[in-house]
PDB file of all heavy atoms in Angstrom:
ATOM      1  N   ASN A   1       0.812  -1.221   0.000  1.00  0.00           N
ATOM      2  CA  ASN A   1       0.000   0.000   0.000  1.00  0.00           C
ATOM      3  C   ASN A   1       0.846   1.273   0.000  1.00  0.00           C
ATOM      4  O   ASN A   1       0.325   2.363  -0.211  1.00  0.00           O
ATOM      5  CB  ASN A   1      -0.942   0.007   1.208  1.00  0.00           C
ATOM      6  CG  ASN A   1      -2.138   0.915   0.980  1.00  0.00           C
ATOM      7  OD1 ASN A   1      -2.742   0.905  -0.088  1.00  0.00           O
ATOM      8  ND2 ASN A   1      -2.469   1.728   1.976  1.00  0.00           N
ATOM      9  N   LYS A   2       2.158   1.132   0.221  1.00  0.00           N
ATOM     10  CA  LYS A   2       3.046   2.291   0.202  1.00  0.00           C
ATOM     11  C   LYS A   2       3.558   2.600  -1.207  1.00  0.00           C
ATOM     12  O   LYS A   2       3.996   3.715  -1.484  1.00  0.00           O
ATOM     13  CB  LYS A   2       4.262   2.043   1.100  1.00  0.00           C
ATOM     14  CG  LYS A   2       3.952   1.751   2.550  1.00  0.00           C
ATOM     15  CD  LYS A   2       5.248   1.421   3.294  1.00  0.00           C
ATOM     16  CE  LYS A   2       5.001   0.967   4.711  1.00  0.00           C
ATOM     17  NZ  LYS A   2       6.263   0.567   5.392  1.00  0.00           N
ATOM     18  N   ILE A   3       3.520   1.589  -2.071  1.00  0.00           N
ATOM     19  CA  ILE A   3       4.181   1.705  -3.381  1.00  0.00           C
ATOM     20  C   ILE A   3       3.434   2.662  -4.302  1.00  0.00           C
ATOM     21  O   ILE A   3       2.233   2.512  -4.547  1.00  0.00           O
ATOM     22  CB  ILE A   3       4.303   0.331  -4.047  1.00  0.00           C
ATOM     23  CG1 ILE A   3       5.059  -0.639  -3.134  1.00  0.00           C
ATOM     24  CG2 ILE A   3       5.035   0.449  -5.382  1.00  0.00           C
ATOM     25  CD1 ILE A   3       5.100  -2.062  -3.653  1.00  0.00           C
ATOM     26  N   VAL A   4       4.175   3.641  -4.822  1.00  0.00           N
ATOM     27  CA  VAL A   4       3.636   4.599  -5.787  1.00  0.00           C
ATOM     28  C   VAL A   4       4.119   4.255  -7.191  1.00  0.00           C
ATOM     29  O   VAL A   4       3.386   4.386  -8.168  1.00  0.00           O
ATOM     30  CB  VAL A   4       4.048   6.039  -5.420  1.00  0.00           C
ATOM     31  CG1 VAL A   4       3.579   7.029  -6.480  1.00  0.00           C
ATOM     32  CG2 VAL A   4       3.488   6.424  -4.055  1.00  0.00           C
ATOM     33  N   SER A   5       5.368   3.806  -7.284  1.00  0.00           N
ATOM     34  CA  SER A   5       5.962   3.447  -8.574  1.00  0.00           C
ATOM     35  C   SER A   5       6.675   2.113  -8.437  1.00  0.00           C
ATOM     36  O   SER A   5       7.471   1.925  -7.516  1.00  0.00           O
ATOM     37  CB  SER A   5       6.949   4.533  -9.025  1.00  0.00           C
ATOM     38  OG  SER A   5       7.616   4.147 -10.213  1.00  0.00           O
ATOM     39  N   LEU A   6       6.381   1.190  -9.367  1.00  0.00           N
ATOM     40  CA  LEU A   6       6.968  -0.154  -9.316  1.00  0.00           C
ATOM     41  C   LEU A   6       7.550  -0.508 -10.679  1.00  0.00           C
ATOM     42  O   LEU A   6       6.860  -0.449 -11.693  1.00  0.00           O
ATOM     43  CB  LEU A   6       5.905  -1.180  -8.928  1.00  0.00           C
ATOM     44  CG  LEU A   6       6.329  -2.662  -8.922  1.00  0.00           C
ATOM     45  CD1 LEU A   6       7.457  -2.895  -7.931  1.00  0.00           C
ATOM     46  CD2 LEU A   6       5.131  -3.558  -8.604  1.00  0.00           C
ATOM     47  N   ASN A   7       8.826  -0.865 -10.693  1.00  0.00           N
ATOM     48  CA  ASN A   7       9.503  -1.264 -11.917  1.00  0.00           C
ATOM     49  C   ASN A   7      10.015  -2.687 -11.754  1.00  0.00           C
ATOM     50  O   ASN A   7      10.959  -2.936 -11.001  1.00  0.00           O
ATOM     51  CB  ASN A   7      10.664  -0.321 -12.231  1.00  0.00           C
ATOM     52  CG  ASN A   7      11.268  -0.571 -13.606  1.00  0.00           C
ATOM     53  OD1 ASN A   7      11.004  -1.599 -14.232  1.00  0.00           O
ATOM     54  ND2 ASN A   7      12.063   0.362 -14.087  1.00  0.00           N
ATOM     55  N   MET A   8       9.372  -3.633 -12.444  1.00  0.00           N
ATOM     56  CA  MET A   8       9.809  -5.027 -12.438  1.00  0.00           C
ATOM     57  C   MET A   8      10.128  -5.489 -13.856  1.00  0.00           C
ATOM     58  O   MET A   8       9.973  -6.652 -14.208  1.00  0.00           O
ATOM     59  CB  MET A   8       8.740  -5.914 -11.795  1.00  0.00           C
ATOM     60  CG  MET A   8       8.518  -5.612 -10.320  1.00  0.00           C
ATOM     61  SD  MET A   8       7.486  -6.838  -9.472  1.00  0.00           S
ATOM     62  CE  MET A   8       8.582  -8.262  -9.480  1.00  0.00           C
ATOM     63  N   SER A   9      10.609  -4.567 -14.666  1.00  0.00           N
ATOM     64  CA  SER A   9      10.983  -4.875 -16.044  1.00  0.00           C
ATOM     65  C   SER A   9      12.156  -5.844 -16.096  1.00  0.00           C
ATOM     66  O   SER A   9      12.898  -6.012 -15.121  1.00  0.00           O
ATOM     67  CB  SER A   9      11.345  -3.589 -16.786  1.00  0.00           C
ATOM     68  OG  SER A   9      10.254  -2.699 -16.836  1.00  0.00           O
ATOM     69  N   LYS A  10      12.320  -6.490 -17.246  1.00  0.00           N
ATOM     70  CA  LYS A  10      13.445  -7.391 -17.516  1.00  0.00           C
ATOM     71  C   LYS A  10      13.498  -8.562 -16.544  1.00  0.00           C
ATOM     72  O   LYS A  10      14.577  -8.974 -16.102  1.00  0.00           O
ATOM     73  CB  LYS A  10      14.763  -6.614 -17.512  1.00  0.00           C
ATOM     74  CG  LYS A  10      14.852  -5.571 -18.623  1.00  0.00           C
ATOM     75  CD  LYS A  10      16.218  -4.937 -18.706  1.00  0.00           C
ATOM     76  CE  LYS A  10      16.283  -3.967 -19.875  1.00  0.00           C
ATOM     77  NZ  LYS A  10      17.629  -3.343 -20.014  1.00  0.00           N
ATOM     78  N   ASN A  11      12.335  -9.083 -16.194  1.00  0.00           N
ATOM     79  CA  ASN A  11      12.228 -10.322 -15.434  1.00  0.00           C
ATOM     80  C   ASN A  11      11.427 -11.315 -16.278  1.00  0.00           C
ATOM     81  O   ASN A  11      10.214 -11.465 -16.098  1.00  0.00           O
ATOM     82  CB  ASN A  11      11.546 -10.080 -14.083  1.00  0.00           C
ATOM     83  CG  ASN A  11      12.439  -9.370 -13.092  1.00  0.00           C
ATOM     84  OD1 ASN A  11      13.458  -9.894 -12.666  1.00  0.00           O
ATOM     85  ND2 ASN A  11      12.071  -8.137 -12.745  1.00  0.00           N
ATOM     86  N   PRO A  12      12.052 -11.968 -17.255  1.00  0.00           N
ATOM     87  CA  PRO A  12      11.335 -12.862 -18.175  1.00  0.00           C
ATOM     88  C   PRO A  12      10.580 -13.957 -17.435  1.00  0.00           C
ATOM     89  O   PRO A  12      11.095 -14.567 -16.490  1.00  0.00           O
ATOM     90  CB  PRO A  12      12.462 -13.454 -19.034  1.00  0.00           C
ATOM     91  CG  PRO A  12      13.566 -12.456 -18.949  1.00  0.00           C
ATOM     92  CD  PRO A  12      13.486 -11.886 -17.572  1.00  0.00           C
ATOM     93  N   GLY A  13       9.346 -14.204 -17.877  1.00  0.00           N
ATOM     94  CA  GLY A  13       8.529 -15.249 -17.272  1.00  0.00           C
ATOM     95  C   GLY A  13       7.874 -14.830 -15.978  1.00  0.00           C
ATOM     96  O   GLY A  13       7.365 -15.678 -15.237  1.00  0.00           O
ATOM     97  N   LEU A  14       7.839 -13.525 -15.712  1.00  0.00           N
ATOM     98  CA  LEU A  14       7.276 -13.022 -14.460  1.00  0.00           C
ATOM     99  C   LEU A  14       5.776 -13.310 -14.356  1.00  0.00           C
ATOM    100  O   LEU A  14       5.027 -13.112 -15.303  1.00  0.00           O
ATOM    101  CB  LEU A  14       7.503 -11.507 -14.370  1.00  0.00           C
ATOM    102  CG  LEU A  14       6.946 -10.798 -13.137  1.00  0.00           C
ATOM    103  CD1 LEU A  14       7.741 -11.188 -11.893  1.00  0.00           C
ATOM    104  CD2 LEU A  14       6.969  -9.282 -13.338  1.00  0.00           C
ATOM    105  N   ASN A  15       5.356 -13.780 -13.193  1.00  0.00           N
ATOM    106  CA  ASN A  15       3.940 -13.928 -12.873  1.00  0.00           C
ATOM    107  C   ASN A  15       3.542 -12.762 -11.982  1.00  0.00           C
ATOM    108  O   ASN A  15       4.156 -12.540 -10.939  1.00  0.00           O
ATOM    109  CB  ASN A  15       3.700 -15.259 -12.150  1.00  0.00           C
ATOM    110  CG  ASN A  15       2.265 -15.385 -11.664  1.00  0.00           C
ATOM    111  OD1 ASN A  15       1.334 -14.981 -12.352  1.00  0.00           O
ATOM    112  ND2 ASN A  15       2.079 -15.925 -10.479  1.00  0.00           N
ATOM    113  N   PHE A  16       2.515 -12.022 -12.397  1.00  0.00           N
ATOM    114  CA  PHE A  16       2.103 -10.827 -11.660  1.00  0.00           C
ATOM    115  C   PHE A  16       0.751 -11.103 -11.017  1.00  0.00           C
ATOM    116  O   PHE A  16      -0.298 -10.885 -11.629  1.00  0.00           O
ATOM    117  CB  PHE A  16       2.042  -9.636 -12.610  1.00  0.00           C
ATOM    118  CG  PHE A  16       2.265  -8.315 -11.932  1.00  0.00           C
ATOM    119  CD1 PHE A  16       3.488  -8.015 -11.358  1.00  0.00           C
ATOM    120  CD2 PHE A  16       1.253  -7.383 -11.851  1.00  0.00           C
ATOM    121  CE1 PHE A  16       3.699  -6.797 -10.726  1.00  0.00           C
ATOM    122  CE2 PHE A  16       1.455  -6.177 -11.218  1.00  0.00           C
ATOM    123  CZ  PHE A  16       2.687  -5.887 -10.659  1.00  0.00           C
ATOM    124  N   PRO A  17       0.731 -11.593  -9.773  1.00  0.00           N
ATOM    125  CA  PRO A  17      -0.504 -12.106  -9.154  1.00  0.00           C
ATOM    126  C   PRO A  17      -1.505 -11.032  -8.752  1.00  0.00           C
ATOM    127  O   PRO A  17      -1.136  -9.949  -8.296  1.00  0.00           O
ATOM    128  CB  PRO A  17       0.020 -12.852  -7.922  1.00  0.00           C
ATOM    129  CG  PRO A  17       1.305 -12.162  -7.585  1.00  0.00           C
ATOM    130  CD  PRO A  17       1.900 -11.740  -8.898  1.00  0.00           C
ATOM    131  N   ALA A  18      -2.790 -11.362  -8.903  1.00  0.00           N
ATOM    132  CA  ALA A  18      -3.870 -10.427  -8.594  1.00  0.00           C
ATOM    133  C   ALA A  18      -3.952 -10.122  -7.105  1.00  0.00           C
ATOM    134  O   ALA A  18      -4.332  -9.014  -6.719  1.00  0.00           O
ATOM    135  CB  ALA A  18      -5.198 -10.980  -9.095  1.00  0.00           C
ATOM    136  N   ASP A  19      -3.593 -11.081  -6.250  1.00  0.00           N
ATOM    137  CA  ASP A  19      -3.704 -10.824  -4.804  1.00  0.00           C
ATOM    138  C   ASP A  19      -2.746  -9.720  -4.366  1.00  0.00           C
ATOM    139  O   ASP A  19      -3.068  -8.925  -3.473  1.00  0.00           O
ATOM    140  CB  ASP A  19      -3.474 -12.111  -4.008  1.00  0.00           C
ATOM    141  CG  ASP A  19      -2.095 -12.719  -4.218  1.00  0.00           C
ATOM    142  OD1 ASP A  19      -1.427 -12.357  -5.215  1.00  0.00           O
ATOM    143  OD2 ASP A  19      -1.694 -13.553  -3.393  1.00  0.00           O
ATOM    144  N   PHE A  20      -1.576  -9.625  -5.015  1.00  0.00           N
ATOM    145  CA  PHE A  20      -0.654  -8.531  -4.712  1.00  0.00           C
ATOM    146  C   PHE A  20      -1.192  -7.213  -5.255  1.00  0.00           C
ATOM    147  O   PHE A  20      -1.169  -6.179  -4.567  1.00  0.00           O
ATOM    148  CB  PHE A  20       0.723  -8.814  -5.300  1.00  0.00           C
ATOM    149  CG  PHE A  20       1.672  -7.650  -5.222  1.00  0.00           C
ATOM    150  CD1 PHE A  20       2.272  -7.309  -4.021  1.00  0.00           C
ATOM    151  CD2 PHE A  20       1.947  -6.888  -6.346  1.00  0.00           C
ATOM    152  CE1 PHE A  20       3.133  -6.221  -3.937  1.00  0.00           C
ATOM    153  CE2 PHE A  20       2.804  -5.802  -6.279  1.00  0.00           C
ATOM    154  CZ  PHE A  20       3.406  -5.467  -5.067  1.00  0.00           C
ATOM    155  N   VAL A  21      -1.684  -7.244  -6.477  1.00  0.00           N
ATOM    156  CA  VAL A  21      -2.190  -6.041  -7.131  1.00  0.00           C
ATOM    157  C   VAL A  21      -3.291  -5.392  -6.300  1.00  0.00           C
ATOM    158  O   VAL A  21      -3.348  -4.161  -6.134  1.00  0.00           O
ATOM    159  CB  VAL A  21      -2.720  -6.375  -8.542  1.00  0.00           C
ATOM    160  CG1 VAL A  21      -3.430  -5.184  -9.155  1.00  0.00           C
ATOM    161  CG2 VAL A  21      -1.565  -6.825  -9.441  1.00  0.00           C
ATOM    162  N   GLN A  22      -4.176  -6.194  -5.741  1.00  0.00           N
ATOM    163  CA  GLN A  22      -5.300  -5.658  -4.981  1.00  0.00           C
ATOM    164  C   GLN A  22      -4.878  -4.999  -3.672  1.00  0.00           C
ATOM    165  O   GLN A  22      -5.662  -4.273  -3.064  1.00  0.00           O
ATOM    166  CB  GLN A  22      -6.309  -6.776  -4.727  1.00  0.00           C
ATOM    167  CG  GLN A  22      -7.001  -7.233  -6.009  1.00  0.00           C
ATOM    168  CD  GLN A  22      -7.829  -8.486  -5.820  1.00  0.00           C
ATOM    169  OE1 GLN A  22      -7.579  -9.275  -4.913  1.00  0.00           O
ATOM    170  NE2 GLN A  22      -8.815  -8.677  -6.687  1.00  0.00           N
ATOM    171  N   LEU A  23      -3.632  -5.218  -3.262  1.00  0.00           N
ATOM    172  CA  LEU A  23      -3.114  -4.564  -2.060  1.00  0.00           C
ATOM    173  C   LEU A  23      -2.475  -3.213  -2.363  1.00  0.00           C
ATOM    174  O   LEU A  23      -2.210  -2.435  -1.440  1.00  0.00           O
ATOM    175  CB  LEU A  23      -2.082  -5.468  -1.374  1.00  0.00           C
ATOM    176  CG  LEU A  23      -2.570  -6.811  -0.834  1.00  0.00           C
ATOM    177  CD1 LEU A  23      -1.389  -7.624  -0.318  1.00  0.00           C
ATOM    178  CD2 LEU A  23      -3.603  -6.611   0.268  1.00  0.00           C
ATOM    179  N   CYS A  24      -2.220  -2.965  -3.657  1.00  0.00           N
ATOM    180  CA  CYS A  24      -1.504  -1.744  -4.066  1.00  0.00           C
ATOM    181  C   CYS A  24      -2.491  -0.613  -4.343  1.00  0.00           C
ATOM    182  O   CYS A  24      -2.710  -0.227  -5.488  1.00  0.00           O
ATOM    183  CB  CYS A  24      -0.653  -2.031  -5.301  1.00  0.00           C
ATOM    184  SG  CYS A  24       0.631  -3.269  -5.040  1.00  0.00           S
ATOM    185  N   GLY A  25      -3.060  -0.080  -3.285  1.00  0.00           N
ATOM    186  CA  GLY A  25      -4.090   0.946  -3.456  1.00  0.00           C
ATOM    187  C   GLY A  25      -3.587   2.292  -3.906  1.00  0.00           C
ATOM    188  O   GLY A  25      -4.377   3.137  -4.337  1.00  0.00           O
ATOM    189  N   ASN A  26      -2.260   2.534  -3.833  1.00  0.00           N
ATOM    190  CA  ASN A  26      -1.720   3.855  -4.167  1.00  0.00           C
ATOM    191  C   ASN A  26      -0.781   3.842  -5.369  1.00  0.00           C
ATOM    192  O   ASN A  26      -0.149   4.860  -5.660  1.00  0.00           O
ATOM    193  CB  ASN A  26      -0.978   4.429  -2.956  1.00  0.00           C
ATOM    194  CG  ASN A  26      -1.920   4.743  -1.806  1.00  0.00           C
ATOM    195  OD1 ASN A  26      -2.874   5.489  -1.973  1.00  0.00           O
ATOM    196  ND2 ASN A  26      -1.673   4.150  -0.644  1.00  0.00           N
ATOM    197  N   LEU A  27      -0.684   2.721  -6.061  1.00  0.00           N
ATOM    198  CA  LEU A  27       0.244   2.636  -7.191  1.00  0.00           C
ATOM    199  C   LEU A  27      -0.214   3.538  -8.340  1.00  0.00           C
ATOM    200  O   LEU A  27      -1.374   3.510  -8.735  1.00  0.00           O
ATOM    201  CB  LEU A  27       0.353   1.194  -7.690  1.00  0.00           C
ATOM    202  CG  LEU A  27       1.515   0.969  -8.654  1.00  0.00           C
ATOM    203  CD1 LEU A  27       2.824   0.849  -7.887  1.00  0.00           C
ATOM    204  CD2 LEU A  27       1.319  -0.275  -9.497  1.00  0.00           C
ATOM    205  N   ARG A  28       0.725   4.318  -8.870  1.00  0.00           N
ATOM    206  CA  ARG A  28       0.445   5.221  -9.989  1.00  0.00           C
ATOM    207  C   ARG A  28       1.213   4.828 -11.256  1.00  0.00           C
ATOM    208  O   ARG A  28       0.712   5.021 -12.355  1.00  0.00           O
ATOM    209  CB  ARG A  28       0.815   6.663  -9.631  1.00  0.00           C
ATOM    210  CG  ARG A  28       0.065   7.241  -8.433  1.00  0.00           C
ATOM    211  CD  ARG A  28      -1.419   7.401  -8.726  1.00  0.00           C
ATOM    212  NE  ARG A  28      -2.116   8.162  -7.699  1.00  0.00           N
ATOM    213  CZ  ARG A  28      -2.603   7.662  -6.571  1.00  0.00           C
ATOM    214  NH1 ARG A  28      -2.457   6.366  -6.316  1.00  0.00           N
ATOM    215  NH2 ARG A  28      -3.244   8.415  -5.701  1.00  0.00           N
ATOM    216  N   GLU A  29       2.417   4.292 -11.089  1.00  0.00           N
ATOM    217  CA  GLU A  29       3.264   3.967 -12.239  1.00  0.00           C
ATOM    218  C   GLU A  29       3.710   2.506 -12.171  1.00  0.00           C
ATOM    219  O   GLU A  29       4.175   2.054 -11.127  1.00  0.00           O
ATOM    220  CB  GLU A  29       4.504   4.871 -12.271  1.00  0.00           C
ATOM    221  CG  GLU A  29       4.184   6.346 -12.409  1.00  0.00           C
ATOM    222  CD  GLU A  29       5.440   7.203 -12.480  1.00  0.00           C
ATOM    223  OE1 GLU A  29       6.560   6.629 -12.436  1.00  0.00           O
ATOM    224  OE2 GLU A  29       5.311   8.428 -12.583  1.00  0.00           O
ATOM    225  N   LEU A  30       3.560   1.809 -13.304  1.00  0.00           N
ATOM    226  CA  LEU A  30       3.934   0.397 -13.372  1.00  0.00           C
ATOM    227  C   LEU A  30       4.725   0.135 -14.648  1.00  0.00           C
ATOM    228  O   LEU A  30       4.255   0.434 -15.752  1.00  0.00           O
ATOM    229  CB  LEU A  30       2.692  -0.487 -13.347  1.00  0.00           C
ATOM    230  CG  LEU A  30       2.924  -2.005 -13.450  1.00  0.00           C
ATOM    231  CD1 LEU A  30       3.743  -2.508 -12.265  1.00  0.00           C
ATOM    232  CD2 LEU A  30       1.596  -2.743 -13.537  1.00  0.00           C
ATOM    233  N   ARG A  31       5.911  -0.417 -14.486  1.00  0.00           N
ATOM    234  CA  ARG A  31       6.760  -0.751 -15.623  1.00  0.00           C
ATOM    235  C   ARG A  31       7.022  -2.253 -15.636  1.00  0.00           C
ATOM    236  O   ARG A  31       7.649  -2.785 -14.713  1.00  0.00           O
ATOM    237  CB  ARG A  31       8.077   0.028 -15.541  1.00  0.00           C
ATOM    238  CG  ARG A  31       7.902   1.526 -15.756  1.00  0.00           C
ATOM    239  CD  ARG A  31       9.184   2.307 -15.465  1.00  0.00           C
ATOM    240  NE  ARG A  31       9.047   3.710 -15.825  1.00  0.00           N
ATOM    241  CZ  ARG A  31       8.473   4.630 -15.047  1.00  0.00           C
ATOM    242  NH1 ARG A  31       8.012   4.294 -13.845  1.00  0.00           N
ATOM    243  NH2 ARG A  31       8.380   5.882 -15.459  1.00  0.00           N
ATOM    244  N   LEU A  32       6.543  -2.903 -16.694  1.00  0.00           N
ATOM    245  CA  LEU A  32       6.711  -4.347 -16.866  1.00  0.00           C
ATOM    246  C   LEU A  32       7.208  -4.631 -18.279  1.00  0.00           C
ATOM    247  O   LEU A  32       6.701  -5.504 -18.974  1.00  0.00           O
ATOM    248  CB  LEU A  32       5.392  -5.081 -16.612  1.00  0.00           C
ATOM    249  CG  LEU A  32       4.818  -5.024 -15.188  1.00  0.00           C
ATOM    250  CD1 LEU A  32       3.441  -5.675 -15.136  1.00  0.00           C
ATOM    251  CD2 LEU A  32       5.761  -5.705 -14.203  1.00  0.00           C
ATOM    252  N   SER A  33       8.204  -3.893 -18.714  1.00  0.00           N
ATOM    253  CA  SER A  33       8.746  -4.098 -20.061  1.00  0.00           C
ATOM    254  C   SER A  33       9.702  -5.279 -20.074  1.00  0.00           C
ATOM    255  O   SER A  33      10.319  -5.620 -19.063  1.00  0.00           O
ATOM    256  CB  SER A  33       9.467  -2.833 -20.539  1.00  0.00           C
ATOM    257  OG  SER A  33      10.589  -2.551 -19.730  1.00  0.00           O
ATOM    258  N   THR A  34       9.792  -5.933 -21.242  1.00  0.00           N
ATOM    259  CA  THR A  34      10.728  -7.041 -21.464  1.00  0.00           C
ATOM    260  C   THR A  34      10.559  -8.143 -20.423  1.00  0.00           C
ATOM    261  O   THR A  34      11.531  -8.614 -19.816  1.00  0.00           O
ATOM    262  CB  THR A  34      12.193  -6.532 -21.466  1.00  0.00           C
ATOM    263  OG1 THR A  34      12.270  -5.266 -22.127  1.00  0.00           O
ATOM    264  CG2 THR A  34      13.101  -7.498 -22.221  1.00  0.00           C
TER     265      THR A  34
END
């Protein structure tokens, strides 16, 4: 809930689970390139 900007780019095969996403009430920027 503290995260405003999250960069997890360049992690091939990454699983981005919904249970984590639903906890991120303040996220504004998300980078998931490559």
